[in-house]
Amino acid sequence: QVQLVESGGGLVQAGDSLRLSCAASGRTFSSSVMGWFRQAPGKEREFVAAVGKNSINTAYVESVEGRFTISRDDAKNTVYLQMNSLKPEDTAVYYCAARGGTWYSISAWNSANFATWGQGTQVTVSS
């Protein structure tokens, strides 16, 4: 079982960058599909990005394509989300998530398909 702790959130201005980190404990990290989700006030939790085993596969929601980059360092049991050109609409609590199984076993990029979650880190982007 993987346990997840996010960090790196904060208050920034539009156009700035932030890097979120998610430190994982547990022996299954390297074989897990890792994802980032976000939830804004009054909205449902939204998929942001995912990275598969050995970083071979990545996926992004269209609204962050070209601005966000997900990566993982299996030696450090850590997954990152580099966020550039931040916009006010990126304001949300960002959650790290993990799931077992292969990349191609995932039927849809939604929260129901991820079993393990961190506590979240707040990202606020002012205009």
Foldseek 3Di string as FASTA:
>chain_A
DKAKAKDWADEEAAQAKTKMKIAIDDDCLLQKKKFKWWDDPPGDIGTAKIAGHPRPDMDGDPVQPPFWDWDDDVVRRMIMIIGGRDDQVVWTWMKMFIDHDGPVVDPDRDPVRTDYIYPTDTHGYHD
